[in-house]
C-alpha cells in the first residue's frame, strides 16, 4: 500500500496523486495510440464510439455526479451539437470553427433549460429535462430547412487544414484527443472554486448557501458546461454515424447516458469512462448472445432496452458505487490482504447525499 505524505495545501488539488499515476496513465495513453495499428476497422470504430460516449458521460457526470442535478434530456444536447456542427459544415464553415460553435450552441441550450429549472430538484427536474428532450426531438423532426426533418442530414467528414479525415483510425485519434482535453478540463474545473461549489450544492444546498455559494449561478454554470461537453460529443457523433436523423436522439439515448453514469460510478470521472466502455460494449455483447438464444427470445422486441433497465436496477440495488466503486474495493482487498475485513465497506447511516459516494 502506498502512503502519501502531504507537505503543502497544493497537494490536495493536484491532478496526479503521485508519480505512479502519471506513469500508468501515460502508459495507457501510449497503448491507446498504438491500438489502431493492430485492430480491425470495426473495432477501431467501436473504440471511437466509446470515446464519444466518454465525452458525453463526463458532461453528464458533472451535472448528476458532482452537482446533484438529475437530467433525462442529455440526448437533446447531444443532438443540438451534432446538428449545429453538421449544418455549419454544410455552409462552408471550417471544422475547427464549427466544432467549438456546436459546443457553444449546446451550452446556450443548457442555460436555457437551467435557468427556468433552478428551483426544481429530484423527480421534478427529471420530468422538466425529459420534456425538454421531447420538444427538441420534435424540433429536429420538423425544422426541415436546418435538420432535413425525417429525410435526415448528411454529415461531411471533418476537415483539418484541407485534409479530410475519411479513415476510421483518423476519427479515432480525433475523438481520443478531444476526450483527453475534456478530461483535463473537467478535472481542473472540479479543482476550482466553481467545482467545489458544485460539490457543495450536491451535498446540501442549504449548507452551501449558508457558506456564500450562489446557487443560481453555480447550477446554471453546471448545466452550461455539462451541455457544452455533451454538444462536443454530439458533433463527433455526427461524424461517426455520417448521417443524422431525429430518432437518433430519443429518450432511450438519454436513459442510456444516465445508465452510463450510474453503472460507471456516480461522482467519479473514472466512472464516466468505465460506464462508456460498458455501454459501448453491451450492444455488441447482446448481439452475440442473440445467436445462442432461442428464436422466440432473441427476436423479442425491446430486448435491448429491457436489458439496460434490468442492469440499471441491479446496480442500484447491489452495487450503488458502480464499476469504479467495485474496482476500489478490489484494489483495497489486494492492498490489505490478508488483513482485509468484510466490514470495511459496510454502509453506515448517511446524513448527506454524498456520504453514499465514499
Protein backbone atom coordinates (compact mmCIF):
# COMPACT_ATOMS: atom_id res chain seq x y z
CA UNK A 1 0.00 0.00 0.00
CA UNK A 2 1.28 3.47 -0.90
CA UNK A 3 1.19 6.15 1.82
CA UNK A 4 1.22 9.75 0.60
CA UNK A 5 2.67 12.34 2.98
CA UNK A 6 1.35 15.79 2.15
CA UNK A 7 3.61 18.76 2.81
CA UNK A 8 1.58 21.56 1.23
CA UNK A 9 -2.03 22.52 0.58
CA UNK A 10 -1.38 22.42 -3.17
CA UNK A 11 -1.11 18.63 -2.99
CA UNK A 12 -4.84 18.46 -2.22
CA UNK A 13 -5.70 19.86 -5.64
CA UNK A 14 -3.04 18.19 -7.76
CA UNK A 15 -4.39 16.19 -10.70
CA UNK A 16 -1.80 13.45 -10.10
CA UNK A 17 -1.72 12.00 -6.59
CA UNK A 18 1.81 10.72 -7.12
CA UNK A 19 4.29 9.77 -9.84
CA UNK A 20 2.74 6.33 -10.20
CA UNK A 21 -0.50 7.86 -11.51
CA UNK A 22 1.40 9.80 -14.15
CA UNK A 23 3.30 6.68 -15.23
CA UNK A 24 0.26 4.41 -15.57
CA UNK A 25 -1.94 6.96 -17.29
CA UNK A 26 0.91 7.74 -19.66
CA UNK A 27 1.32 4.04 -20.40
CA UNK A 28 -2.43 3.76 -21.04
CA UNK A 29 -2.28 6.69 -23.46
CA UNK A 30 0.62 5.11 -25.35
CA UNK A 31 -1.36 1.87 -25.62
CA UNK A 32 -4.42 3.70 -26.96
CA UNK A 33 -2.28 5.49 -29.53
CA UNK A 34 -0.88 2.18 -30.74
CA UNK A 35 -4.17 0.22 -30.81
CA UNK A 36 -5.36 1.20 -34.33
CA UNK A 37 -2.26 -0.37 -35.86
CA UNK A 38 -3.22 -3.84 -34.61
CA UNK A 39 -7.03 -3.77 -34.69
CA UNK A 40 -9.61 -4.37 -37.38
CA UNK A 41 -11.50 -1.33 -38.73
CA UNK A 42 -14.67 -2.49 -36.97
CA UNK A 43 -13.07 -2.48 -33.52
CA UNK A 44 -11.42 0.89 -34.19
CA UNK A 45 -14.88 2.25 -34.93
CA UNK A 46 -16.28 0.74 -31.73
CA UNK A 47 -13.49 2.31 -29.68
CA UNK A 48 -14.21 5.67 -31.35
CA UNK A 49 -17.83 5.34 -30.26
CA UNK A 50 -16.69 4.56 -26.71
CA UNK A 51 -14.56 7.74 -26.69
CA UNK A 52 -17.58 9.76 -27.83
CA UNK A 53 -19.72 8.20 -25.10
CA UNK A 54 -16.96 9.02 -22.62
CA UNK A 55 -17.07 12.71 -23.56
CA UNK A 56 -20.86 12.78 -23.18
CA UNK A 57 -20.58 10.81 -19.93
CA UNK A 58 -18.15 13.34 -18.47
CA UNK A 59 -20.61 16.11 -19.31
CA UNK A 60 -23.49 14.31 -17.63
CA UNK A 61 -21.30 13.30 -14.68
CA UNK A 62 -20.52 16.94 -13.91
CA UNK A 63 -24.25 17.62 -13.64
CA UNK A 64 -25.51 14.43 -11.98
CA UNK A 65 -22.49 13.17 -10.07
CA UNK A 66 -20.92 16.44 -8.95
CA UNK A 67 -23.85 18.90 -8.78
CA UNK A 68 -26.65 16.52 -7.85
CA UNK A 69 -28.98 17.64 -10.67
CA UNK A 70 -30.84 14.82 -12.44
CA UNK A 71 -31.21 15.02 -16.22
CA UNK A 72 -33.19 12.81 -18.59
CA UNK A 73 -32.67 15.09 -21.57
CA UNK A 74 -28.98 14.95 -22.42
CA UNK A 75 -29.66 13.28 -25.75
CA UNK A 76 -31.15 16.65 -26.76
CA UNK A 77 -27.83 18.42 -26.08
CA UNK A 78 -26.05 15.67 -27.99
CA UNK A 79 -28.39 16.27 -30.94
CA UNK A 80 -28.01 20.05 -30.78
CA UNK A 81 -24.25 19.72 -31.02
CA UNK A 82 -24.49 17.19 -33.85
CA UNK A 83 -26.95 19.20 -35.96
CA UNK A 84 -25.21 22.53 -35.32
CA UNK A 85 -21.84 21.13 -36.39
CA UNK A 86 -23.27 19.38 -39.47
CA UNK A 87 -25.25 22.46 -40.57
CA UNK A 88 -22.30 24.83 -40.19
CA UNK A 89 -20.01 22.48 -42.13
CA UNK A 90 -22.62 22.21 -44.91
CA UNK A 91 -22.48 26.02 -45.18
CA UNK A 92 -18.72 26.00 -45.66
CA UNK A 93 -17.64 26.74 -42.08
CA UNK A 94 -14.32 25.00 -41.25
CA UNK A 95 -14.46 22.15 -38.76
CA UNK A 96 -12.12 23.94 -36.34
CA UNK A 97 -14.74 26.70 -36.13
CA UNK A 98 -17.94 24.65 -36.36
CA UNK A 99 -16.82 22.19 -33.66
CA UNK A 100 -16.49 24.69 -30.79
CA UNK A 101 -19.58 26.56 -32.03
CA UNK A 102 -21.53 23.31 -31.76
CA UNK A 103 -20.46 23.01 -28.12
CA UNK A 104 -21.40 26.66 -27.56
CA UNK A 105 -24.87 26.10 -29.08
CA UNK A 106 -25.45 23.17 -26.73
CA UNK A 107 -24.16 25.21 -23.78
CA UNK A 108 -26.63 28.01 -24.56
CA UNK A 109 -29.40 25.40 -24.67
CA UNK A 110 -28.19 24.20 -21.27
CA UNK A 111 -28.52 27.73 -19.91
CA UNK A 112 -31.98 27.98 -21.46
CA UNK A 113 -33.16 24.88 -19.57
CA UNK A 114 -31.04 25.53 -16.48
CA UNK A 115 -32.45 28.95 -15.59
CA UNK A 116 -36.17 28.00 -15.58
CA UNK A 117 -35.48 24.85 -13.54
CA UNK A 118 -33.34 26.43 -10.80
CA UNK A 119 -35.90 25.70 -8.09
CA UNK A 120 -36.55 22.13 -9.24
CA UNK A 121 -34.87 19.07 -7.79
CA UNK A 122 -35.26 15.31 -7.98
CA UNK A 123 -38.13 13.88 -9.99
CA UNK A 124 -39.46 17.33 -10.95
CA UNK A 125 -36.15 18.28 -12.55
CA UNK A 126 -36.04 14.91 -14.31
CA UNK A 127 -39.51 15.49 -15.75
CA UNK A 128 -38.57 19.01 -16.89
CA UNK A 129 -35.45 17.81 -18.71
CA UNK A 130 -37.44 14.92 -20.20
CA UNK A 131 -40.00 17.41 -21.56
CA UNK A 132 -37.15 19.49 -22.99
CA UNK A 133 -35.74 16.43 -24.77
CA UNK A 134 -39.14 15.62 -26.30
CA UNK A 135 -39.56 19.22 -27.50
CA UNK A 136 -36.09 19.24 -29.06
CA UNK A 137 -36.75 15.92 -30.79
CA UNK A 138 -39.87 17.41 -32.38
CA UNK A 139 -37.85 20.44 -33.47
CA UNK A 140 -35.33 18.15 -35.15
CA UNK A 141 -38.17 16.35 -36.94
CA UNK A 142 -39.96 19.48 -38.23
CA UNK A 143 -37.25 22.10 -38.85
CA UNK A 144 -36.65 20.82 -42.37
CA UNK A 145 -34.59 23.78 -43.60
CA UNK A 146 -31.89 23.12 -40.99
CA UNK A 147 -32.15 19.49 -39.90
CA UNK A 148 -33.68 17.92 -43.00
CA UNK A 149 -36.52 16.52 -40.91
CA UNK A 150 -37.11 12.80 -41.24
CA UNK A 151 -35.17 12.81 -44.52
CA UNK A 152 -32.05 13.28 -42.43
CA UNK A 153 -28.95 15.40 -42.77
CA UNK A 154 -25.70 14.05 -44.25
CA UNK A 155 -22.55 14.94 -42.33
CA UNK A 156 -19.38 15.72 -44.25
CA UNK A 157 -16.13 14.33 -42.79
CA UNK A 158 -14.12 16.72 -40.60
CA UNK A 159 -11.59 18.80 -42.49
CA UNK A 160 -8.37 19.80 -40.73
CA UNK A 161 -6.31 22.32 -42.69
CA UNK A 162 -7.54 20.94 -46.00
CA UNK A 163 -7.15 17.28 -45.05
CA UNK A 164 -10.37 15.26 -44.73
CA UNK A 165 -10.48 12.61 -42.02
CA UNK A 166 -12.03 9.75 -44.00
CA UNK A 167 -10.49 6.70 -42.33
CA UNK A 168 -11.83 5.23 -39.05
CA UNK A 169 -8.39 5.50 -37.48
CA UNK A 170 -8.24 9.23 -38.17
CA UNK A 171 -11.58 9.88 -36.44
CA UNK A 172 -10.35 7.59 -33.64
CA UNK A 173 -7.39 9.86 -32.93
CA UNK A 174 -9.55 12.97 -33.14
CA UNK A 175 -12.06 11.55 -30.62
CA UNK A 176 -9.20 10.43 -28.34
CA UNK A 177 -7.65 13.91 -28.42
CA UNK A 178 -10.97 15.56 -27.56
CA UNK A 179 -11.58 13.04 -24.75
CA UNK A 180 -8.19 13.76 -23.18
CA UNK A 181 -8.77 17.52 -23.40
CA UNK A 182 -12.28 17.22 -21.91
CA UNK A 183 -10.95 15.05 -19.09
CA UNK A 184 -8.30 17.66 -18.31
CA UNK A 185 -10.83 20.48 -18.45
CA UNK A 186 -13.27 18.63 -16.16
CA UNK A 187 -10.53 17.73 -13.65
CA UNK A 188 -9.36 21.34 -13.49
CA UNK A 189 -12.94 22.63 -13.18
CA UNK A 190 -13.54 20.37 -10.19
CA UNK A 191 -10.37 21.73 -8.53
CA UNK A 192 -11.57 25.32 -8.97
CA UNK A 193 -13.88 27.28 -6.60
CA UNK A 194 -16.75 26.71 -9.05
CA UNK A 195 -16.22 22.95 -8.98
CA UNK A 196 -16.08 22.90 -5.20
CA UNK A 197 -19.27 24.95 -5.10
CA UNK A 198 -20.93 22.36 -7.36
CA UNK A 199 -19.97 19.59 -4.94
CA UNK A 200 -21.21 21.66 -2.00
CA UNK A 201 -24.61 22.04 -3.71
CA UNK A 202 -24.73 18.29 -4.28
CA UNK A 203 -24.06 17.70 -0.59
CA UNK A 204 -26.53 20.20 0.82
CA UNK A 205 -27.99 23.27 -0.86
CA UNK A 206 -28.79 24.90 2.47
CA UNK A 207 -25.25 24.38 3.78
CA UNK A 208 -23.76 25.64 0.52
CA UNK A 209 -25.93 28.74 0.55
CA UNK A 210 -25.01 29.47 4.16
CA UNK A 211 -21.34 29.40 3.11
CA UNK A 212 -21.96 32.02 0.42
CA UNK A 213 -22.37 29.80 -2.64
CA UNK A 214 -24.57 31.41 -5.30
CA UNK A 215 -26.93 28.54 -6.04
CA UNK A 216 -28.50 30.02 -9.18
CA UNK A 217 -25.17 30.91 -10.77
CA UNK A 218 -23.47 27.61 -9.93
CA UNK A 219 -26.38 25.46 -11.15
CA UNK A 220 -26.58 27.44 -14.38
CA UNK A 221 -22.84 27.08 -14.97
CA UNK A 222 -23.12 23.33 -14.27
CA UNK A 223 -25.91 22.98 -16.83
CA UNK A 224 -24.00 25.05 -19.39
CA UNK A 225 -20.70 23.17 -19.02
CA UNK A 226 -22.44 19.78 -18.95
CA UNK A 227 -24.47 20.59 -22.06
CA UNK A 228 -21.43 22.09 -23.81
CA UNK A 229 -19.31 18.96 -23.29
CA UNK A 230 -22.21 16.79 -24.43
CA UNK A 231 -22.64 19.00 -27.51
CA UNK A 232 -18.99 18.43 -28.45
CA UNK A 233 -19.62 14.70 -28.14
CA UNK A 234 -22.64 15.16 -30.39
CA UNK A 235 -20.53 16.88 -33.05
CA UNK A 236 -18.16 13.90 -33.10
CA UNK A 237 -21.10 11.51 -33.05
CA UNK A 238 -22.42 13.13 -36.23
CA UNK A 239 -19.13 12.40 -37.99
CA UNK A 240 -19.15 8.88 -36.57
CA UNK A 241 -22.60 7.96 -37.98
CA UNK A 242 -22.20 10.21 -41.10
CA UNK A 243 -25.96 10.79 -41.28
CA UNK A 244 -28.28 12.41 -38.73
CA UNK A 245 -31.94 11.62 -38.15
CA UNK A 246 -34.25 12.84 -35.36
CA UNK A 247 -34.76 9.36 -33.92
CA UNK A 248 -31.03 9.14 -33.21
CA UNK A 249 -31.58 11.39 -30.19
CA UNK A 250 -34.64 9.94 -28.50
CA UNK A 251 -35.45 9.36 -24.85
CA UNK A 252 -33.82 5.91 -24.94
CA UNK A 253 -30.46 7.53 -25.68
CA UNK A 254 -30.93 9.84 -22.66
CA UNK A 255 -31.66 6.84 -20.46
CA UNK A 256 -28.57 5.08 -21.80
CA UNK A 257 -26.44 8.10 -20.87
CA UNK A 258 -27.89 8.07 -17.37
CA UNK A 259 -27.21 4.32 -17.23
CA UNK A 260 -23.61 5.10 -18.21
CA UNK A 261 -23.20 7.42 -15.22
CA UNK A 262 -24.87 5.13 -12.68
CA UNK A 263 -23.16 1.93 -13.79
CA UNK A 264 -19.77 3.61 -14.13
CA UNK A 265 -19.94 5.15 -10.66
CA UNK A 266 -21.61 8.43 -9.72
CA UNK A 267 -19.25 11.14 -8.52
CA UNK A 268 -16.15 9.99 -10.40
CA UNK A 269 -14.59 10.93 -13.73
CA UNK A 270 -13.21 7.40 -13.82
CA UNK A 271 -16.78 6.19 -13.58
CA UNK A 272 -17.72 8.12 -16.72
CA UNK A 273 -15.02 6.27 -18.66
CA UNK A 274 -15.88 2.86 -17.17
CA UNK A 275 -19.53 3.47 -17.96
CA UNK A 276 -18.70 4.43 -21.54
CA UNK A 277 -16.77 1.19 -22.03
CA UNK A 278 -19.65 -0.78 -20.53
CA UNK A 279 -22.34 0.98 -22.56
CA UNK A 280 -20.33 0.77 -25.78
CA UNK A 281 -19.61 -2.94 -25.39
CA UNK A 282 -23.03 -4.03 -24.14
CA UNK A 283 -24.92 -3.83 -27.51
CA UNK A 284 -22.25 -5.98 -29.14
CA UNK A 285 -22.47 -8.47 -26.28
CA UNK A 286 -26.26 -8.60 -26.69
CA UNK A 287 -25.89 -9.12 -30.46
CA UNK A 288 -23.52 -12.04 -29.85
CA UNK A 289 -25.84 -13.51 -27.20
CA UNK A 290 -28.78 -13.45 -29.63
CA UNK A 291 -27.05 -16.16 -31.67
CA UNK A 292 -27.21 -18.53 -28.72
CA UNK A 293 -30.74 -17.70 -27.50
CA UNK A 294 -33.97 -19.35 -28.68
CA UNK A 295 -35.54 -17.52 -31.62
CA UNK A 296 -38.60 -16.57 -29.59
CA UNK A 297 -36.35 -14.77 -27.09
CA UNK A 298 -33.72 -13.44 -29.50
CA UNK A 299 -36.33 -11.76 -31.71
CA UNK A 300 -38.28 -10.31 -28.81
CA UNK A 301 -38.98 -6.59 -29.39
CA UNK A 302 -37.49 -4.29 -26.77
CA UNK A 303 -34.91 -6.86 -25.65
CA UNK A 304 -32.03 -4.38 -25.54
CA UNK A 305 -33.87 -1.60 -23.61
CA UNK A 306 -35.18 -4.24 -21.22
CA UNK A 307 -31.66 -5.49 -20.50
CA UNK A 308 -30.49 -1.90 -19.96
CA UNK A 309 -33.27 -1.42 -17.41
CA UNK A 310 -32.53 -4.65 -15.56
CA UNK A 311 -28.82 -3.80 -15.36
CA UNK A 312 -29.61 -0.32 -14.02
CA UNK A 313 -31.85 -1.75 -11.29
CA UNK A 314 -29.31 -4.42 -10.33
CA UNK A 315 -26.51 -1.88 -9.99
CA UNK A 316 -28.66 0.44 -7.89
CA UNK A 317 -29.61 -2.43 -5.56
CA UNK A 318 -26.36 -4.36 -5.28
CA UNK A 319 -23.54 -2.03 -6.37
CA UNK A 320 -24.59 1.62 -5.90
CA UNK A 321 -20.94 2.68 -6.17
CA UNK A 322 -20.81 1.43 -9.76
CA UNK A 323 -17.91 -0.18 -11.58
CA UNK A 324 -15.48 2.38 -10.17
CA UNK A 325 -16.59 1.60 -6.64
CA UNK A 326 -16.18 -2.13 -7.25
CA UNK A 327 -12.68 -1.51 -8.64
CA UNK A 328 -11.74 0.46 -5.49
CA UNK A 329 -12.93 -2.42 -3.34
CA UNK A 330 -10.97 -4.98 -5.33
CA UNK A 331 -7.84 -2.82 -5.23
CA UNK A 332 -8.12 -2.29 -1.48
CA UNK A 333 -8.66 -6.00 -0.95
CA UNK A 334 -5.32 -6.86 -2.53
CA UNK A 335 -3.58 -3.93 -0.81
CA UNK A 336 -4.73 -5.08 2.64
CA UNK A 337 -4.62 -8.83 2.07
CA UNK A 338 -4.61 -10.85 4.32
CA UNK A 339 -5.80 -8.17 6.79
CA UNK A 340 -8.84 -7.13 4.75
CA UNK A 341 -12.12 -7.03 6.70
CA UNK A 342 -15.50 -7.55 5.08
CA UNK A 343 -16.92 -4.69 7.15
CA UNK A 344 -14.54 -2.19 5.56
CA UNK A 345 -17.21 -1.00 3.11
CA UNK A 346 -20.22 -1.65 5.33
CA UNK A 347 -22.70 1.13 4.71
CA UNK A 348 -23.24 3.48 7.62
CA UNK A 349 -26.12 5.80 8.36
CA UNK A 350 -25.92 8.76 5.95
CA UNK A 351 -26.88 12.34 6.72
CA UNK A 352 -25.85 13.93 3.43
CA UNK A 353 -26.29 12.67 -0.12
CA UNK A 354 -22.58 12.46 -0.84
CA UNK A 355 -21.94 10.15 2.08
CA UNK A 356 -23.29 7.41 -0.20
CA UNK A 357 -20.42 8.08 -2.59
CA UNK A 358 -17.47 7.40 -0.29
